Amino acid sequence: MRKTSNSKVYRKEVYRMKPKHHTHLSLSERRQIYVLLGRKVPLSQIATILGRHHSTIYREVQRNTYWDDDPFISGYFHMNAQELYRRRRQSLQVFLRKTDLKSYVIEKLKVYWSPEQIAGYLKRMGVQGFYACTETIYRLIYSDEGKELGLYRYLFKGRKNRRKKLGRKPRGTRIPEHHGIAFRPEIVANRQTFGHWEGDLMIFNREHGQTNLTSLIERKSRYTILAKNSNRRPIPVIGQIGNLLAKLPSHARETITFDRGFEFLKYPILHEKMGIRSYFCDPQSPWQKGSVESNNNRIRRFLPRETKLDELGDSDIYGISVIMNNTPRKCLGFKTPQEVLNGHLQQSA
């Protein structure tokens, strides 16, 4: 199939797709939206290609666009959009199944309590499992069931249709521009010097709890450090990373590169306590920290996603890192990461 100019579409696709009614966008469709937006295809033509109503595509892009103070990394990213959709749908479906809670919320709406007042009161009550946040209540009001009941009439302004948000812009700069990977020193990218790390969290099946694994790798030596976390909260995660790297001399821990996961938002702690500079990949660009991504795939041989990490001790995790660090690597001239690390530490001693 031949490609035309950016402003045109694939003619065969336009006629092949049949209109879809009352079905949610799939990950595959969101991927197509991402690709076509990158080619500057108008939203109306994207809708035609996917066999969707133009308002469906418009709402999708407006609702799930990622905003950053840096315009070069703002935009619509299909994986991010899918995750936002999943979270919204999951929270509403859980709420709708709780008939007692739903009835209570509807009862309070009918006596002109606002969604915020209802959510605040439920939170103050503190009854386990009996809570709905403000946003979930609004989604109930404007759902098919809510519209059928006319719940919007009990709101202060009584709008039949919810006002468009036109994208959710950040309230503040979460990651300052100078911490973007574009500002990382070139010597880090070229692996010219020692002491530059990549970090990530390895996640396991939710039914086994929140326990996850910090995975660190030094870019030049490929030396691996692993440690368990009981949750993904930023302060304990960054605190754990700081404790792990504190065992090394300062020249062996100069920079670290993360993705933009919320668990790394307390990165300033690393600089304040140890002088470690942190850099962040562009959104949806895990390949920019390819060393740790590749290393995680190796680690999955020992710790697949279904692993019950809680049942493993620290010695078990350490044992895996020992195997990783004492296996020869072709990229190191068949030396082991442990040998290369030791060599650098001895040279600078």
C-alpha atoms as a PDB file:
ATOM      1  CA  MET A   1       0.000   0.000   0.000  1.00  0.00           C
ATOM      2  CA  ARG A   2       1.543   3.313  -1.047  1.00  0.00           C
ATOM      3  CA  LYS A   3       1.782   6.328   1.165  1.00  0.00           C
ATOM      4  CA  THR A   4       0.782   9.773  -0.096  1.00  0.00           C
ATOM      5  CA  SER A   5       1.669  13.143   1.429  1.00  0.00           C
ATOM      6  CA  ASN A   6       1.176  13.861   5.133  1.00  0.00           C
ATOM      7  CA  SER A   7      -2.116  15.645   4.641  1.00  0.00           C
ATOM      8  CA  LYS A   8      -3.609  12.725   2.716  1.00  0.00           C
ATOM      9  CA  VAL A   9      -4.755   9.338   3.895  1.00  0.00           C
ATOM     10  CA  TYR A  10      -4.478   5.764   2.715  1.00  0.00           C
ATOM     11  CA  ARG A  11      -7.315   5.513   0.213  1.00  0.00           C
ATOM     12  CA  LYS A  12      -7.864   1.770   0.678  1.00  0.00           C
ATOM     13  CA  GLU A  13      -8.180   2.160   4.430  1.00  0.00           C
ATOM     14  CA  VAL A  14     -10.843   4.850   4.091  1.00  0.00           C
ATOM     15  CA  TYR A  15     -13.234   2.504   2.299  1.00  0.00           C
ATOM     16  CA  ARG A  16     -12.289  -0.691   4.082  1.00  0.00           C
ATOM     17  CA  MET A  17     -13.205   0.382   7.606  1.00  0.00           C
ATOM     18  CA  LYS A  18     -16.882   0.145   8.539  1.00  0.00           C
ATOM     19  CA  PRO A  19     -18.377   2.566  11.062  1.00  0.00           C
ATOM     20  CA  LYS A  20     -18.375   1.245  14.626  1.00  0.00           C
ATOM     21  CA  HIS A  21     -21.176   2.043  17.015  1.00  0.00           C
ATOM     22  CA  HIS A  22     -21.139   2.091  20.820  1.00  0.00           C
ATOM     23  CA  THR A  23     -17.734   0.436  21.215  1.00  0.00           C
ATOM     24  CA  HIS A  24     -14.756   1.865  23.054  1.00  0.00           C
ATOM     25  CA  LEU A  25     -11.524   2.654  21.260  1.00  0.00           C
ATOM     26  CA  SER A  26      -8.988  -0.166  21.421  1.00  0.00           C
ATOM     27  CA  LEU A  27      -5.237   0.094  22.011  1.00  0.00           C
ATOM     28  CA  SER A  28      -4.714  -0.690  18.325  1.00  0.00           C
ATOM     29  CA  GLU A  29      -6.942   2.236  17.331  1.00  0.00           C
ATOM     30  CA  ARG A  30      -5.163   4.538  19.758  1.00  0.00           C
ATOM     31  CA  ARG A  31      -1.859   3.478  18.201  1.00  0.00           C
ATOM     32  CA  GLN A  32      -3.230   4.423  14.773  1.00  0.00           C
ATOM     33  CA  ILE A  33      -4.346   7.801  16.102  1.00  0.00           C
ATOM     34  CA  TYR A  34      -0.841   8.404  17.476  1.00  0.00           C
ATOM     35  CA  VAL A  35       0.799   7.521  14.150  1.00  0.00           C
ATOM     36  CA  LEU A  36      -1.638   9.561  12.055  1.00  0.00           C
ATOM     37  CA  LEU A  37      -1.367  12.614  14.303  1.00  0.00           C
ATOM     38  CA  GLY A  38       2.392  12.402  13.819  1.00  0.00           C
ATOM     39  CA  ARG A  39       1.756  12.644  10.073  1.00  0.00           C
ATOM     40  CA  LYS A  40      -0.413  15.749  10.573  1.00  0.00           C
ATOM     41  CA  VAL A  41      -3.571  13.958   9.386  1.00  0.00           C
ATOM     42  CA  PRO A  42      -6.699  15.989  10.360  1.00  0.00           C
ATOM     43  CA  LEU A  43      -8.943  14.514  13.043  1.00  0.00           C
ATOM     44  CA  SER A  44     -11.852  14.255  10.609  1.00  0.00           C
ATOM     45  CA  GLN A  45      -9.780  12.062   8.265  1.00  0.00           C
ATOM     46  CA  ILE A  46      -8.521   9.961  11.180  1.00  0.00           C
ATOM     47  CA  ALA A  47     -12.170   9.334  12.095  1.00  0.00           C
ATOM     48  CA  THR A  48     -12.886   8.221   8.517  1.00  0.00           C
ATOM     49  CA  ILE A  49      -9.895   5.870   8.477  1.00  0.00           C
ATOM     50  CA  LEU A  50     -10.952   4.254  11.764  1.00  0.00           C
ATOM     51  CA  GLY A  51     -14.644   4.192  10.889  1.00  0.00           C
ATOM     52  CA  ARG A  52     -15.463   6.378  13.889  1.00  0.00           C
ATOM     53  CA  HIS A  53     -17.562   9.487  14.360  1.00  0.00           C
ATOM     54  CA  HIS A  54     -15.380  12.592  14.290  1.00  0.00           C
ATOM     55  CA  SER A  55     -16.552  13.625  17.782  1.00  0.00           C
ATOM     56  CA  THR A  56     -15.243  10.316  19.183  1.00  0.00           C
ATOM     57  CA  ILE A  57     -11.742  11.050  17.895  1.00  0.00           C
ATOM     58  CA  TYR A  58     -11.924  14.685  18.988  1.00  0.00           C
ATOM     59  CA  ARG A  59     -12.914  13.731  22.559  1.00  0.00           C
ATOM     60  CA  GLU A  60     -10.222  11.045  22.684  1.00  0.00           C
ATOM     61  CA  VAL A  61      -7.442  13.440  21.721  1.00  0.00           C
ATOM     62  CA  GLN A  62      -8.665  16.260  23.968  1.00  0.00           C
ATOM     63  CA  ARG A  63      -9.162  13.989  26.975  1.00  0.00           C
ATOM     64  CA  ASN A  64      -5.947  11.975  26.754  1.00  0.00           C
ATOM     65  CA  THR A  65      -3.336  14.427  25.499  1.00  0.00           C
ATOM     66  CA  TYR A  66      -0.182  14.626  27.628  1.00  0.00           C
ATOM     67  CA  TRP A  67       0.833  18.180  28.541  1.00  0.00           C
ATOM     68  CA  ASP A  68       4.308  19.325  29.565  1.00  0.00           C
ATOM     69  CA  ASP A  69       5.867  22.774  29.813  1.00  0.00           C
ATOM     70  CA  ASP A  70       8.249  21.606  27.098  1.00  0.00           C
ATOM     71  CA  PRO A  71       6.162  21.639  23.863  1.00  0.00           C
ATOM     72  CA  PHE A  72       8.482  19.114  22.231  1.00  0.00           C
ATOM     73  CA  ILE A  73       7.335  16.372  24.611  1.00  0.00           C
ATOM     74  CA  SER A  74       3.663  17.322  24.834  1.00  0.00           C
ATOM     75  CA  GLY A  75       1.189  15.425  22.718  1.00  0.00           C
ATOM     76  CA  TYR A  76      -0.997  12.362  22.320  1.00  0.00           C
ATOM     77  CA  PHE A  77       0.735   9.064  23.215  1.00  0.00           C
ATOM     78  CA  HIS A  78      -1.251   5.858  22.707  1.00  0.00           C
ATOM     79  CA  MET A  79       0.066   3.920  25.725  1.00  0.00           C
ATOM     80  CA  ASN A  80      -0.565   6.844  28.052  1.00  0.00           C
ATOM     81  CA  ALA A  81      -4.054   7.316  26.579  1.00  0.00           C
ATOM     82  CA  GLN A  82      -4.890   3.628  27.071  1.00  0.00           C
ATOM     83  CA  GLU A  83      -3.798   3.738  30.713  1.00  0.00           C
ATOM     84  CA  LEU A  84      -5.884   6.865  31.413  1.00  0.00           C
ATOM     85  CA  TYR A  85      -8.917   5.195  29.804  1.00  0.00           C
ATOM     86  CA  ARG A  86      -8.381   2.000  31.814  1.00  0.00           C
ATOM     87  CA  ARG A  87      -8.216   3.871  35.111  1.00  0.00           C
ATOM     88  CA  ARG A  88     -11.348   5.915  34.425  1.00  0.00           C
ATOM     89  CA  ARG A  89     -13.355   2.910  33.317  1.00  0.00           C
ATOM     90  CA  GLN A  90     -12.187   0.727  36.200  1.00  0.00           C
ATOM     91  CA  SER A  91     -13.080   3.280  38.875  1.00  0.00           C
ATOM     92  CA  LEU A  92     -16.555   3.896  37.419  1.00  0.00           C
ATOM     93  CA  GLN A  93     -17.349   0.193  36.961  1.00  0.00           C
ATOM     94  CA  VAL A  94     -16.331  -0.583  40.549  1.00  0.00           C
ATOM     95  CA  PHE A  95     -18.528   2.274  41.742  1.00  0.00           C
ATOM     96  CA  LEU A  96     -21.566   1.178  39.696  1.00  0.00           C
ATOM     97  CA  ARG A  97     -21.371  -2.339  41.175  1.00  0.00           C
ATOM     98  CA  LYS A  98     -21.696  -0.923  44.690  1.00  0.00           C
ATOM     99  CA  THR A  99     -25.461  -0.399  44.605  1.00  0.00           C
ATOM    100  CA  ASP A 100     -25.718   0.904  48.188  1.00  0.00           C
ATOM    101  CA  LEU A 101     -23.054   3.524  47.538  1.00  0.00           C
ATOM    102  CA  LYS A 102     -24.580   4.522  44.213  1.00  0.00           C
ATOM    103  CA  SER A 103     -28.025   4.893  45.786  1.00  0.00           C
ATOM    104  CA  TYR A 104     -26.556   7.027  48.566  1.00  0.00           C
ATOM    105  CA  VAL A 105     -24.803   9.331  46.070  1.00  0.00           C
ATOM    106  CA  ILE A 106     -27.970   9.716  43.970  1.00  0.00           C
ATOM    107  CA  GLU A 107     -29.990  10.462  47.114  1.00  0.00           C
ATOM    108  CA  LYS A 108     -27.594  13.269  48.087  1.00  0.00           C
ATOM    109  CA  LEU A 109     -27.526  14.681  44.567  1.00  0.00           C
ATOM    110  CA  LYS A 110     -31.316  14.951  44.680  1.00  0.00           C
ATOM    111  CA  VAL A 111     -31.093  17.160  47.777  1.00  0.00           C
ATOM    112  CA  TYR A 112     -28.653  19.375  45.871  1.00  0.00           C
ATOM    113  CA  TRP A 113     -25.361  18.296  47.404  1.00  0.00           C
ATOM    114  CA  SER A 114     -22.503  18.935  44.982  1.00  0.00           C
ATOM    115  CA  PRO A 115     -20.234  16.043  43.926  1.00  0.00           C
ATOM    116  CA  GLU A 116     -17.414  17.643  45.923  1.00  0.00           C
ATOM    117  CA  GLN A 117     -19.585  17.863  49.054  1.00  0.00           C
ATOM    118  CA  ILE A 118     -20.658  14.229  48.698  1.00  0.00           C
ATOM    119  CA  ALA A 119     -17.078  13.011  48.227  1.00  0.00           C
ATOM    120  CA  GLY A 120     -15.840  15.107  51.152  1.00  0.00           C
ATOM    121  CA  TYR A 121     -18.585  13.847  53.451  1.00  0.00           C
ATOM    122  CA  LEU A 122     -17.973  10.206  52.497  1.00  0.00           C
ATOM    123  CA  LYS A 123     -14.280  10.665  53.181  1.00  0.00           C
ATOM    124  CA  ARG A 124     -15.013  12.159  56.601  1.00  0.00           C
ATOM    125  CA  MET A 125     -17.306   9.227  57.406  1.00  0.00           C
ATOM    126  CA  GLY A 126     -14.349   6.920  56.793  1.00  0.00           C
ATOM    127  CA  VAL A 127     -16.382   3.761  56.132  1.00  0.00           C
ATOM    128  CA  GLN A 128     -14.194   1.111  54.492  1.00  0.00           C
ATOM    129  CA  GLY A 129     -15.185   0.549  50.849  1.00  0.00           C
ATOM    130  CA  PHE A 130     -17.902   3.230  51.009  1.00  0.00           C
ATOM    131  CA  TYR A 131     -16.345   6.107  49.082  1.00  0.00           C
ATOM    132  CA  ALA A 132     -16.457   7.773  45.670  1.00  0.00           C
ATOM    133  CA  CYS A 133     -14.230  10.647  44.599  1.00  0.00           C
ATOM    134  CA  THR A 134     -15.576  13.843  43.022  1.00  0.00           C
ATOM    135  CA  GLU A 135     -14.539  12.851  39.495  1.00  0.00           C
ATOM    136  CA  THR A 136     -16.251   9.445  39.739  1.00  0.00           C
ATOM    137  CA  ILE A 137     -19.492  11.107  40.844  1.00  0.00           C
ATOM    138  CA  TYR A 138     -19.342  13.472  37.869  1.00  0.00           C
ATOM    139  CA  ARG A 139     -18.827  10.486  35.568  1.00  0.00           C
ATOM    140  CA  LEU A 140     -21.932   8.852  37.063  1.00  0.00           C
ATOM    141  CA  ILE A 141     -23.947  12.030  36.442  1.00  0.00           C
ATOM    142  CA  TYR A 142     -22.945  12.169  32.773  1.00  0.00           C
ATOM    143  CA  SER A 143     -23.069   8.420  32.140  1.00  0.00           C
ATOM    144  CA  ASP A 144     -25.969   6.926  30.169  1.00  0.00           C
ATOM    145  CA  GLU A 145     -27.652   5.904  33.424  1.00  0.00           C
ATOM    146  CA  GLY A 146     -27.106   9.333  34.970  1.00  0.00           C
ATOM    147  CA  LYS A 147     -28.527  11.136  31.946  1.00  0.00           C
ATOM    148  CA  GLU A 148     -31.558   8.851  31.958  1.00  0.00           C
ATOM    149  CA  LEU A 149     -32.176   9.806  35.600  1.00  0.00           C
ATOM    150  CA  GLY A 150     -31.579  13.478  34.819  1.00  0.00           C
ATOM    151  CA  LEU A 151     -28.980  13.807  37.573  1.00  0.00           C
ATOM    152  CA  TYR A 152     -27.373  16.820  35.885  1.00  0.00           C
ATOM    153  CA  ARG A 153     -30.463  18.875  36.838  1.00  0.00           C
ATOM    154  CA  TYR A 154     -29.398  18.791  40.493  1.00  0.00           C
ATOM    155  CA  LEU A 155     -26.029  20.426  39.813  1.00  0.00           C
ATOM    156  CA  PHE A 156     -25.538  24.126  40.553  1.00  0.00           C
ATOM    157  CA  LYS A 157     -25.415  25.081  36.861  1.00  0.00           C
ATOM    158  CA  GLY A 158     -27.493  22.140  35.633  1.00  0.00           C
ATOM    159  CA  ARG A 159     -25.573  21.552  32.411  1.00  0.00           C
ATOM    160  CA  LYS A 160     -26.952  18.669  30.369  1.00  0.00           C
ATOM    161  CA  ASN A 161     -23.520  18.020  28.865  1.00  0.00           C
ATOM    162  CA  ARG A 162     -20.283  18.282  30.742  1.00  0.00           C
ATOM    163  CA  ARG A 163     -18.079  21.174  29.730  1.00  0.00           C
ATOM    164  CA  LYS A 164     -15.014  20.078  27.780  1.00  0.00           C
ATOM    165  CA  LYS A 165     -11.723  20.274  29.647  1.00  0.00           C
ATOM    166  CA  LEU A 166      -9.594  20.755  26.517  1.00  0.00           C
ATOM    167  CA  GLY A 167      -6.803  18.695  27.971  1.00  0.00           C
ATOM    168  CA  ARG A 168      -5.494  18.705  31.501  1.00  0.00           C
ATOM    169  CA  LYS A 169      -2.506  21.014  31.644  1.00  0.00           C
ATOM    170  CA  PRO A 170      -0.116  20.519  34.535  1.00  0.00           C
ATOM    171  CA  ARG A 171      -0.467  22.767  37.570  1.00  0.00           C
ATOM    172  CA  GLY A 172       3.302  23.042  37.824  1.00  0.00           C
ATOM    173  CA  THR A 173       6.470  21.739  36.291  1.00  0.00           C
ATOM    174  CA  ARG A 174       6.829  18.154  37.421  1.00  0.00           C
ATOM    175  CA  ILE A 175      10.112  17.600  35.612  1.00  0.00           C
ATOM    176  CA  PRO A 176      12.028  20.822  34.868  1.00  0.00           C
ATOM    177  CA  GLU A 177      13.258  21.125  31.301  1.00  0.00           C
ATOM    178  CA  HIS A 178      16.932  21.022  32.278  1.00  0.00           C
ATOM    179  CA  HIS A 179      16.395  17.531  33.722  1.00  0.00           C
ATOM    180  CA  GLY A 180      15.250  16.179  30.347  1.00  0.00           C
ATOM    181  CA  ILE A 181      17.471  13.660  28.608  1.00  0.00           C
ATOM    182  CA  ALA A 182      18.324  16.246  25.945  1.00  0.00           C
ATOM    183  CA  PHE A 183      20.357  18.050  28.622  1.00  0.00           C
ATOM    184  CA  ARG A 184      22.232  14.952  29.779  1.00  0.00           C
ATOM    185  CA  PRO A 185      26.001  15.219  29.059  1.00  0.00           C
ATOM    186  CA  GLU A 186      27.115  13.563  25.825  1.00  0.00           C
ATOM    187  CA  ILE A 187      29.750  11.522  27.674  1.00  0.00           C
ATOM    188  CA  VAL A 188      26.906   9.682  29.406  1.00  0.00           C
ATOM    189  CA  ALA A 189      25.292   8.665  26.128  1.00  0.00           C
ATOM    190  CA  ASN A 190      28.651   7.517  24.713  1.00  0.00           C
ATOM    191  CA  ARG A 191      29.549   5.462  27.812  1.00  0.00           C
ATOM    192  CA  GLN A 192      32.902   7.254  27.886  1.00  0.00           C
ATOM    193  CA  THR A 193      33.128   7.557  31.647  1.00  0.00           C
ATOM    194  CA  PHE A 194      32.205   5.486  34.681  1.00  0.00           C
ATOM    195  CA  GLY A 195      29.553   6.357  37.265  1.00  0.00           C
ATOM    196  CA  HIS A 196      26.410   6.905  35.198  1.00  0.00           C
ATOM    197  CA  TRP A 197      23.350   4.807  36.042  1.00  0.00           C
ATOM    198  CA  GLU A 198      19.917   3.955  34.710  1.00  0.00           C
ATOM    199  CA  GLY A 199      17.044   3.102  37.046  1.00  0.00           C
ATOM    200  CA  ASP A 200      13.658   1.437  36.732  1.00  0.00           C
ATOM    201  CA  LEU A 201      10.987  -0.388  38.717  1.00  0.00           C
ATOM    202  CA  MET A 202      10.070  -3.949  37.806  1.00  0.00           C
ATOM    203  CA  ILE A 203       6.375  -4.570  38.454  1.00  0.00           C
ATOM    204  CA  PHE A 204       4.728  -7.925  39.202  1.00  0.00           C
ATOM    205  CA  ASN A 205       1.163  -9.252  39.086  1.00  0.00           C
ATOM    206  CA  ARG A 206      -1.129  -7.159  41.273  1.00  0.00           C
ATOM    207  CA  GLU A 207      -2.811 -10.103  42.939  1.00  0.00           C
ATOM    208  CA  HIS A 208       0.481 -10.755  44.724  1.00  0.00           C
ATOM    209  CA  GLY A 209       0.572  -7.296  46.322  1.00  0.00           C
ATOM    210  CA  GLN A 210       2.388  -4.019  45.726  1.00  0.00           C
ATOM    211  CA  THR A 211       5.929  -5.301  46.217  1.00  0.00           C
ATOM    212  CA  ASN A 212       8.182  -4.343  43.324  1.00  0.00           C
ATOM    213  CA  LEU A 213      11.861  -4.352  42.452  1.00  0.00           C
ATOM    214  CA  THR A 214      14.292  -1.472  42.017  1.00  0.00           C
ATOM    215  CA  SER A 215      16.587  -2.269  39.094  1.00  0.00           C
ATOM    216  CA  LEU A 216      19.777  -0.218  38.613  1.00  0.00           C
ATOM    217  CA  ILE A 217      22.544  -0.664  36.054  1.00  0.00           C
ATOM    218  CA  GLU A 218      25.792   1.264  35.569  1.00  0.00           C
ATOM    219  CA  ARG A 219      26.010   2.148  31.882  1.00  0.00           C
ATOM    220  CA  LYS A 220      29.694   1.475  31.225  1.00  0.00           C
ATOM    221  CA  SER A 221      30.325  -1.643  33.346  1.00  0.00           C
ATOM    222  CA  ARG A 222      26.739  -3.038  33.160  1.00  0.00           C
ATOM    223  CA  TYR A 223      26.960  -3.648  36.901  1.00  0.00           C
ATOM    224  CA  THR A 224      23.518  -4.493  38.349  1.00  0.00           C
ATOM    225  CA  ILE A 225      21.983  -3.601  41.715  1.00  0.00           C
ATOM    226  CA  LEU A 226      18.580  -4.995  42.756  1.00  0.00           C
ATOM    227  CA  ALA A 227      16.405  -4.383  45.817  1.00  0.00           C
ATOM    228  CA  LYS A 228      12.774  -4.912  46.859  1.00  0.00           C
ATOM    229  CA  ASN A 229      10.282  -2.112  47.608  1.00  0.00           C
ATOM    230  CA  SER A 230       7.067  -2.651  49.550  1.00  0.00           C
ATOM    231  CA  ASN A 231       5.209  -0.057  47.433  1.00  0.00           C
ATOM    232  CA  ARG A 232       5.704   2.533  44.677  1.00  0.00           C
ATOM    233  CA  ARG A 233       5.538   5.711  46.752  1.00  0.00           C
ATOM    234  CA  PRO A 234       8.196   8.215  45.634  1.00  0.00           C
ATOM    235  CA  ILE A 235       9.931   8.909  48.949  1.00  0.00           C
ATOM    236  CA  PRO A 236      10.657   5.259  49.896  1.00  0.00           C
ATOM    237  CA  VAL A 237      11.599   4.359  46.305  1.00  0.00           C
ATOM    238  CA  ILE A 238      14.091   7.225  45.961  1.00  0.00           C
ATOM    239  CA  GLY A 239      15.291   6.629  49.526  1.00  0.00           C
ATOM    240  CA  GLN A 240      16.047   3.019  48.633  1.00  0.00           C
ATOM    241  CA  ILE A 241      17.993   4.081  45.530  1.00  0.00           C
ATOM    242  CA  GLY A 242      19.969   6.554  47.622  1.00  0.00           C
ATOM    243  CA  ASN A 243      20.849   3.869  50.170  1.00  0.00           C
ATOM    244  CA  LEU A 244      22.013   1.505  47.432  1.00  0.00           C
ATOM    245  CA  LEU A 245      24.234   4.054  45.677  1.00  0.00           C
ATOM    246  CA  ALA A 246      25.584   5.501  48.932  1.00  0.00           C
ATOM    247  CA  LYS A 247      27.726   2.370  49.294  1.00  0.00           C
ATOM    248  CA  LEU A 248      29.801   3.513  46.293  1.00  0.00           C
ATOM    249  CA  PRO A 249      32.382   6.336  46.176  1.00  0.00           C
ATOM    250  CA  SER A 250      31.089   9.647  44.828  1.00  0.00           C
ATOM    251  CA  HIS A 251      32.829   9.321  41.430  1.00  0.00           C
ATOM    252  CA  ALA A 252      30.945   6.030  40.885  1.00  0.00           C
ATOM    253  CA  ARG A 253      27.504   7.676  41.179  1.00  0.00           C
ATOM    254  CA  GLU A 254      27.437  10.900  39.182  1.00  0.00           C
ATOM    255  CA  THR A 255      24.172  10.676  37.204  1.00  0.00           C
ATOM    256  CA  ILE A 256      21.100   8.485  36.906  1.00  0.00           C
ATOM    257  CA  THR A 257      18.456   8.319  34.155  1.00  0.00           C
ATOM    258  CA  PHE A 258      14.798   7.437  34.850  1.00  0.00           C
ATOM    259  CA  ASP A 259      11.537   7.354  32.933  1.00  0.00           C
ATOM    260  CA  ARG A 260       8.790   9.804  33.977  1.00  0.00           C
ATOM    261  CA  GLY A 261       7.026   7.473  36.411  1.00  0.00           C
ATOM    262  CA  PHE A 262       5.593   9.216  39.487  1.00  0.00           C
ATOM    263  CA  GLU A 263       7.695   6.976  41.729  1.00  0.00           C
ATOM    264  CA  PHE A 264      10.813   8.948  40.732  1.00  0.00           C
ATOM    265  CA  LEU A 265       9.414  12.444  41.399  1.00  0.00           C
ATOM    266  CA  LYS A 266      11.439  12.827  44.614  1.00  0.00           C
ATOM    267  CA  TYR A 267      14.680  12.704  42.603  1.00  0.00           C
ATOM    268  CA  PRO A 268      15.958  16.019  44.142  1.00  0.00           C
ATOM    269  CA  ILE A 269      16.742  14.022  47.294  1.00  0.00           C
ATOM    270  CA  LEU A 270      19.541  12.235  45.425  1.00  0.00           C
ATOM    271  CA  HIS A 271      21.187  15.537  44.509  1.00  0.00           C
ATOM    272  CA  GLU A 272      20.704  17.117  47.917  1.00  0.00           C
ATOM    273  CA  LYS A 273      22.214  14.188  49.810  1.00  0.00           C
ATOM    274  CA  MET A 274      24.802  12.809  47.379  1.00  0.00           C
ATOM    275  CA  GLY A 275      25.170  15.196  44.462  1.00  0.00           C
ATOM    276  CA  ILE A 276      23.680  12.724  41.964  1.00  0.00           C
ATOM    277  CA  ARG A 277      22.187  14.486  38.918  1.00  0.00           C
ATOM    278  CA  SER A 278      18.958  12.963  37.597  1.00  0.00           C
ATOM    279  CA  TYR A 279      17.755  12.990  33.990  1.00  0.00           C
ATOM    280  CA  PHE A 280      14.454  11.806  32.520  1.00  0.00           C
ATOM    281  CA  CYS A 281      13.504  10.115  29.257  1.00  0.00           C
ATOM    282  CA  ASP A 282      10.980  11.740  26.965  1.00  0.00           C
ATOM    283  CA  PRO A 283       7.385  10.499  27.503  1.00  0.00           C
ATOM    284  CA  GLN A 284       6.719   7.008  26.144  1.00  0.00           C
ATOM    285  CA  SER A 285      10.406   6.575  25.242  1.00  0.00           C
ATOM    286  CA  PRO A 286      11.757   3.721  27.415  1.00  0.00           C
ATOM    287  CA  TRP A 287      14.323   2.925  24.722  1.00  0.00           C
ATOM    288  CA  GLN A 288      16.201   6.035  25.882  1.00  0.00           C
ATOM    289  CA  LYS A 289      17.238   4.018  28.930  1.00  0.00           C
ATOM    290  CA  GLY A 290      17.847   0.882  26.927  1.00  0.00           C
ATOM    291  CA  SER A 291      20.500  -0.602  29.219  1.00  0.00           C
ATOM    292  CA  VAL A 292      18.153  -1.100  32.148  1.00  0.00           C
ATOM    293  CA  GLU A 293      15.263  -2.175  29.884  1.00  0.00           C
ATOM    294  CA  SER A 294      17.454  -4.875  28.311  1.00  0.00           C
ATOM    295  CA  ASN A 295      18.777  -5.899  31.710  1.00  0.00           C
ATOM    296  CA  ASN A 296      15.240  -6.227  33.060  1.00  0.00           C
ATOM    297  CA  ASN A 297      14.472  -8.708  30.291  1.00  0.00           C
ATOM    298  CA  ARG A 298      17.416 -10.814  31.451  1.00  0.00           C
ATOM    299  CA  ILE A 299      16.233 -10.610  35.054  1.00  0.00           C
ATOM    300  CA  ARG A 300      12.764 -11.820  34.023  1.00  0.00           C
ATOM    301  CA  ARG A 301      14.299 -15.252  33.430  1.00  0.00           C
ATOM    302  CA  PHE A 302      14.641 -15.497  37.202  1.00  0.00           C
ATOM    303  CA  LEU A 303      11.700 -13.301  38.212  1.00  0.00           C
ATOM    304  CA  PRO A 304       8.758 -13.593  35.776  1.00  0.00           C
ATOM    305  CA  ARG A 305       5.743 -11.352  36.330  1.00  0.00           C
ATOM    306  CA  GLU A 306       3.845 -14.035  38.231  1.00  0.00           C
ATOM    307  CA  THR A 307       6.598 -14.264  40.880  1.00  0.00           C
ATOM    308  CA  LYS A 308       5.367 -13.813  44.457  1.00  0.00           C
ATOM    309  CA  LEU A 309       8.077 -11.332  45.355  1.00  0.00           C
ATOM    310  CA  ASP A 310       6.965 -11.131  48.991  1.00  0.00           C
ATOM    311  CA  GLU A 311       8.014 -14.745  49.447  1.00  0.00           C
ATOM    312  CA  LEU A 312      11.611 -14.016  48.417  1.00  0.00           C
ATOM    313  CA  GLY A 313      14.171 -12.726  50.893  1.00  0.00           C
ATOM    314  CA  ASP A 314      16.801 -10.061  50.317  1.00  0.00           C
ATOM    315  CA  SER A 315      19.400 -12.811  49.971  1.00  0.00           C
ATOM    316  CA  ASP A 316      17.432 -14.322  47.070  1.00  0.00           C
ATOM    317  CA  ILE A 317      17.373 -10.971  45.261  1.00  0.00           C
ATOM    318  CA  TYR A 318      21.053 -10.413  45.966  1.00  0.00           C
ATOM    319  CA  GLY A 319      21.806 -13.876  44.577  1.00  0.00           C
ATOM    320  CA  ILE A 320      20.240 -12.907  41.251  1.00  0.00           C
ATOM    321  CA  SER A 321      22.365  -9.758  41.059  1.00  0.00           C
ATOM    322  CA  VAL A 322      25.464 -11.871  41.775  1.00  0.00           C
ATOM    323  CA  ILE A 323      24.621 -14.086  38.796  1.00  0.00           C
ATOM    324  CA  MET A 324      24.085 -11.028  36.580  1.00  0.00           C
ATOM    325  CA  ASN A 325      27.348  -9.408  37.670  1.00  0.00           C
ATOM    326  CA  ASN A 326      29.466 -12.517  37.251  1.00  0.00           C
ATOM    327  CA  THR A 327      28.275 -13.507  33.780  1.00  0.00           C
ATOM    328  CA  PRO A 328      30.656 -12.513  30.923  1.00  0.00           C
ATOM    329  CA  ARG A 329      29.269  -9.940  28.480  1.00  0.00           C
ATOM    330  CA  LYS A 330      30.236  -9.721  24.828  1.00  0.00           C
ATOM    331  CA  CYS A 331      29.964  -5.917  24.964  1.00  0.00           C
ATOM    332  CA  LEU A 332      32.629  -5.968  27.713  1.00  0.00           C
ATOM    333  CA  GLY A 333      35.051  -8.131  25.740  1.00  0.00           C
ATOM    334  CA  PHE A 334      33.691 -11.141  27.660  1.00  0.00           C
ATOM    335  CA  LYS A 335      34.691  -9.665  30.980  1.00  0.00           C
ATOM    336  CA  THR A 336      32.095  -9.730  33.756  1.00  0.00           C
ATOM    337  CA  PRO A 337      30.437  -6.548  35.074  1.00  0.00           C
ATOM    338  CA  GLN A 338      31.998  -7.269  38.463  1.00  0.00           C
ATOM    339  CA  GLU A 339      35.489  -7.351  36.924  1.00  0.00           C
ATOM    340  CA  VAL A 340      34.939  -4.090  35.061  1.00  0.00           C
ATOM    341  CA  LEU A 341      33.524  -2.385  38.166  1.00  0.00           C
ATOM    342  CA  ASN A 342      36.440  -3.552  40.298  1.00  0.00           C
ATOM    343  CA  GLY A 343      38.887  -2.290  37.689  1.00  0.00           C
ATOM    344  CA  HIS A 344      37.385   1.208  37.713  1.00  0.00           C
ATOM    345  CA  LEU A 345      37.283   1.357  41.505  1.00  0.00           C
ATOM    346  CA  GLN A 346      40.935   0.248  41.775  1.00  0.00           C
ATOM    347  CA  GLN A 347      42.091   2.822  39.211  1.00  0.00           C
ATOM    348  CA  SER A 348      40.527   5.659  41.147  1.00  0.00           C
ATOM    349  CA  ALA A 349      41.572   4.434  44.596  1.00  0.00           C
END
